[in-house]
Amino acid sequence: MTDPISDFLTRIRNASAAGLQEVFIPFSKMKAELSRILQEEGYIWSYEVDTTDAHPRLKLKLKYQGRSPVLRSLTRISKPGLRKYVGATEIPRVLGGLGISILSTSRGIMTGARAKKAKVGGELLAQIW
């Protein structure tokens, strides 16, 4: 697999479209941080690391509003073939502030709002709303 973050976002997008309550994703520290941000921002109920199998995996409990998923769109911005870097002043607003952008900075993975507040830029990983 060449792009594990795209795979992470696609698995969540497909599970939401299918109406599943939870989804299992192969574990990595980066995916765990992305899951933490999704939980803090209220896009998923919870996540946990499942170590019952031979390889650890993340178990995400998806959040729905009625029958429609809370996660409307998960878009990968920076890809392995074309990286997208932004400065602290260039961090885009997503849907006029209703969505979030996720950045990989020198201080770790954080939302665009938190990166602006800390005055750091980095690689623009994804936009979510």
C-alpha atoms as a PDB file:
ATOM      1  CA  MET A   1       0.000   0.000   0.000  1.00  0.00           C
ATOM      2  CA  THR A   2       1.482   3.329  -1.037  1.00  0.00           C
ATOM      3  CA  ASP A   3      -0.790   5.699   0.886  1.00  0.00           C
ATOM      4  CA  PRO A   4      -2.020   4.471   4.292  1.00  0.00           C
ATOM      5  CA  ILE A   5      -3.753   7.773   5.123  1.00  0.00           C
ATOM      6  CA  SER A   6      -5.902   7.585   1.989  1.00  0.00           C
ATOM      7  CA  ASP A   7      -6.747   3.998   2.894  1.00  0.00           C
ATOM      8  CA  PHE A   8      -7.728   5.175   6.416  1.00  0.00           C
ATOM      9  CA  LEU A   9     -10.020   7.895   5.052  1.00  0.00           C
ATOM     10  CA  THR A  10     -11.530   5.602   2.411  1.00  0.00           C
ATOM     11  CA  ARG A  11     -12.365   2.893   4.957  1.00  0.00           C
ATOM     12  CA  ILE A  12     -14.164   5.454   7.131  1.00  0.00           C
ATOM     13  CA  ARG A  13     -15.964   6.957   4.107  1.00  0.00           C
ATOM     14  CA  ASN A  14     -17.133   3.526   2.910  1.00  0.00           C
ATOM     15  CA  ALA A  15     -18.246   2.407   6.387  1.00  0.00           C
ATOM     16  CA  SER A  16     -20.221   5.645   6.838  1.00  0.00           C
ATOM     17  CA  ALA A  17     -21.888   5.245   3.456  1.00  0.00           C
ATOM     18  CA  ALA A  18     -22.817   1.646   4.323  1.00  0.00           C
ATOM     19  CA  GLY A  19     -24.264   2.706   7.691  1.00  0.00           C
ATOM     20  CA  LEU A  20     -21.886   0.585   9.781  1.00  0.00           C
ATOM     21  CA  GLN A  21     -21.565   1.345  13.493  1.00  0.00           C
ATOM     22  CA  GLU A  22     -17.858   0.530  13.685  1.00  0.00           C
ATOM     23  CA  VAL A  23     -14.918   0.018  11.355  1.00  0.00           C
ATOM     24  CA  PHE A  24     -11.570  -1.754  11.822  1.00  0.00           C
ATOM     25  CA  ILE A  25      -8.404  -0.209  10.383  1.00  0.00           C
ATOM     26  CA  PRO A  26      -4.784  -1.460  10.568  1.00  0.00           C
ATOM     27  CA  PHE A  27      -2.957   0.355  13.383  1.00  0.00           C
ATOM     28  CA  SER A  28      -0.244   2.992  13.040  1.00  0.00           C
ATOM     29  CA  LYS A  29       0.675   5.940  15.246  1.00  0.00           C
ATOM     30  CA  MET A  30      -0.362   8.389  12.509  1.00  0.00           C
ATOM     31  CA  LYS A  31      -3.808   6.794  12.145  1.00  0.00           C
ATOM     32  CA  ALA A  32      -4.221   6.789  15.927  1.00  0.00           C
ATOM     33  CA  GLU A  33      -3.507  10.541  15.999  1.00  0.00           C
ATOM     34  CA  LEU A  34      -5.967  11.158  13.167  1.00  0.00           C
ATOM     35  CA  SER A  35      -8.567   9.132  15.102  1.00  0.00           C
ATOM     36  CA  ARG A  36      -7.872  11.182  18.234  1.00  0.00           C
ATOM     37  CA  ILE A  37      -8.487  14.406  16.305  1.00  0.00           C
ATOM     38  CA  LEU A  38     -11.714  13.029  14.796  1.00  0.00           C
ATOM     39  CA  GLN A  39     -12.937  12.123  18.286  1.00  0.00           C
ATOM     40  CA  GLU A  40     -11.951  15.496  19.799  1.00  0.00           C
ATOM     41  CA  GLU A  41     -13.756  17.344  17.017  1.00  0.00           C
ATOM     42  CA  GLY A  42     -16.908  15.225  17.423  1.00  0.00           C
ATOM     43  CA  TYR A  43     -16.862  13.347  14.117  1.00  0.00           C
ATOM     44  CA  ILE A  44     -16.676   9.868  15.701  1.00  0.00           C
ATOM     45  CA  TRP A  45     -17.853   8.519  19.068  1.00  0.00           C
ATOM     46  CA  SER A  46     -14.634   6.786  20.075  1.00  0.00           C
ATOM     47  CA  TYR A  47     -11.631   4.794  18.984  1.00  0.00           C
ATOM     48  CA  GLU A  48      -9.554   2.114  20.646  1.00  0.00           C
ATOM     49  CA  VAL A  49      -6.619  -0.118  19.806  1.00  0.00           C
ATOM     50  CA  ASP A  50      -7.671  -3.765  19.390  1.00  0.00           C
ATOM     51  CA  THR A  51      -4.781  -6.173  20.058  1.00  0.00           C
ATOM     52  CA  THR A  52      -6.709  -9.459  20.021  1.00  0.00           C
ATOM     53  CA  ASP A  53      -5.472 -10.385  16.522  1.00  0.00           C
ATOM     54  CA  ALA A  54      -1.900 -11.023  15.399  1.00  0.00           C
ATOM     55  CA  HIS A  55      -1.617  -7.434  14.159  1.00  0.00           C
ATOM     56  CA  PRO A  56      -3.009  -4.490  16.156  1.00  0.00           C
ATOM     57  CA  ARG A  57      -5.854  -2.521  14.610  1.00  0.00           C
ATOM     58  CA  LEU A  58      -7.955   0.528  15.368  1.00  0.00           C
ATOM     59  CA  LYS A  59     -11.640   0.146  16.137  1.00  0.00           C
ATOM     60  CA  LEU A  60     -13.590   3.341  15.380  1.00  0.00           C
ATOM     61  CA  LYS A  61     -17.212   3.834  16.437  1.00  0.00           C
ATOM     62  CA  LEU A  62     -18.833   6.043  13.836  1.00  0.00           C
ATOM     63  CA  LYS A  63     -21.283   8.797  14.681  1.00  0.00           C
ATOM     64  CA  TYR A  64     -24.635   9.351  12.953  1.00  0.00           C
ATOM     65  CA  GLN A  65     -27.246  12.078  13.089  1.00  0.00           C
ATOM     66  CA  GLY A  66     -30.467  10.204  12.578  1.00  0.00           C
ATOM     67  CA  ARG A  67     -29.705   7.988   9.592  1.00  0.00           C
ATOM     68  CA  SER A  68     -27.101  10.234   7.955  1.00  0.00           C
ATOM     69  CA  PRO A  69     -23.408  10.100   8.924  1.00  0.00           C
ATOM     70  CA  VAL A  70     -21.809  13.046  10.721  1.00  0.00           C
ATOM     71  CA  LEU A  71     -18.798  12.732   8.410  1.00  0.00           C
ATOM     72  CA  ARG A  72     -20.035  14.192   5.131  1.00  0.00           C
ATOM     73  CA  SER A  73     -16.706  14.390   3.319  1.00  0.00           C
ATOM     74  CA  LEU A  74     -13.148  13.192   3.939  1.00  0.00           C
ATOM     75  CA  THR A  75     -10.745  14.592   1.351  1.00  0.00           C
ATOM     76  CA  ARG A  76      -7.043  13.751   1.108  1.00  0.00           C
ATOM     77  CA  ILE A  77      -5.073  16.850   0.081  1.00  0.00           C
ATOM     78  CA  SER A  78      -1.359  16.027   0.229  1.00  0.00           C
ATOM     79  CA  LYS A  79      -0.592  12.797  -1.605  1.00  0.00           C
ATOM     80  CA  PRO A  80       2.644  10.813  -1.955  1.00  0.00           C
ATOM     81  CA  GLY A  81       3.009  12.003  -5.562  1.00  0.00           C
ATOM     82  CA  LEU A  82       2.198  15.640  -4.813  1.00  0.00           C
ATOM     83  CA  ARG A  83       2.853  17.017  -1.346  1.00  0.00           C
ATOM     84  CA  LYS A  84       1.031  20.186  -0.269  1.00  0.00           C
ATOM     85  CA  TYR A  85       2.720  22.361   2.347  1.00  0.00           C
ATOM     86  CA  VAL A  86       1.215  25.491   3.869  1.00  0.00           C
ATOM     87  CA  GLY A  87       2.557  28.196   6.144  1.00  0.00           C
ATOM     88  CA  ALA A  88       0.822  29.286   9.335  1.00  0.00           C
ATOM     89  CA  THR A  89      -0.905  32.160   7.529  1.00  0.00           C
ATOM     90  CA  GLU A  90      -1.930  30.029   4.517  1.00  0.00           C
ATOM     91  CA  ILE A  91      -3.939  27.352   6.375  1.00  0.00           C
ATOM     92  CA  PRO A  92      -7.292  27.108   4.560  1.00  0.00           C
ATOM     93  CA  ARG A  93     -10.673  27.395   6.263  1.00  0.00           C
ATOM     94  CA  VAL A  94     -12.970  24.507   5.445  1.00  0.00           C
ATOM     95  CA  LEU A  95     -16.604  25.432   4.680  1.00  0.00           C
ATOM     96  CA  GLY A  96     -16.215  28.809   6.331  1.00  0.00           C
ATOM     97  CA  GLY A  97     -15.071  27.235   9.601  1.00  0.00           C
ATOM     98  CA  LEU A  98     -17.630  24.402   9.756  1.00  0.00           C
ATOM     99  CA  GLY A  99     -15.074  21.747   8.786  1.00  0.00           C
ATOM    100  CA  ILE A 100     -11.495  21.077   9.832  1.00  0.00           C
ATOM    101  CA  SER A 101      -8.171  20.741   8.083  1.00  0.00           C
ATOM    102  CA  ILE A 102      -5.573  18.361   9.496  1.00  0.00           C
ATOM    103  CA  LEU A 103      -1.882  19.179   9.318  1.00  0.00           C
ATOM    104  CA  SER A 104       1.297  17.299  10.081  1.00  0.00           C
ATOM    105  CA  THR A 105       3.548  19.872  11.737  1.00  0.00           C
ATOM    106  CA  SER A 106       6.884  19.825  13.512  1.00  0.00           C
ATOM    107  CA  ARG A 107       4.882  19.735  16.772  1.00  0.00           C
ATOM    108  CA  GLY A 108       2.793  16.726  15.736  1.00  0.00           C
ATOM    109  CA  ILE A 109      -0.507  16.215  13.957  1.00  0.00           C
ATOM    110  CA  MET A 110      -3.075  18.919  14.705  1.00  0.00           C
ATOM    111  CA  THR A 111      -6.079  20.734  13.316  1.00  0.00           C
ATOM    112  CA  GLY A 112      -5.709  23.846  11.213  1.00  0.00           C
ATOM    113  CA  ALA A 113      -7.146  26.082  13.944  1.00  0.00           C
ATOM    114  CA  ARG A 114      -4.694  24.752  16.515  1.00  0.00           C
ATOM    115  CA  ALA A 115      -1.795  25.148  14.063  1.00  0.00           C
ATOM    116  CA  LYS A 116      -2.801  28.768  13.359  1.00  0.00           C
ATOM    117  CA  LYS A 117      -2.926  29.465  17.091  1.00  0.00           C
ATOM    118  CA  ALA A 118       0.528  27.893  17.556  1.00  0.00           C
ATOM    119  CA  LYS A 119       1.783  29.784  14.457  1.00  0.00           C
ATOM    120  CA  VAL A 120       3.172  26.690  12.749  1.00  0.00           C
ATOM    121  CA  GLY A 121       2.674  25.406   9.241  1.00  0.00           C
ATOM    122  CA  GLY A 122       3.205  21.970   7.775  1.00  0.00           C
ATOM    123  CA  GLU A 123       1.899  19.351   5.398  1.00  0.00           C
ATOM    124  CA  LEU A 124      -1.836  19.656   4.736  1.00  0.00           C
ATOM    125  CA  LEU A 125      -3.013  16.038   5.105  1.00  0.00           C
ATOM    126  CA  ALA A 126      -6.817  16.190   4.808  1.00  0.00           C
ATOM    127  CA  GLN A 127      -9.945  18.313   4.983  1.00  0.00           C
ATOM    128  CA  ILE A 128     -12.994  16.989   6.794  1.00  0.00           C
ATOM    129  CA  TRP A 129     -16.579  18.187   7.129  1.00  0.00           C
END
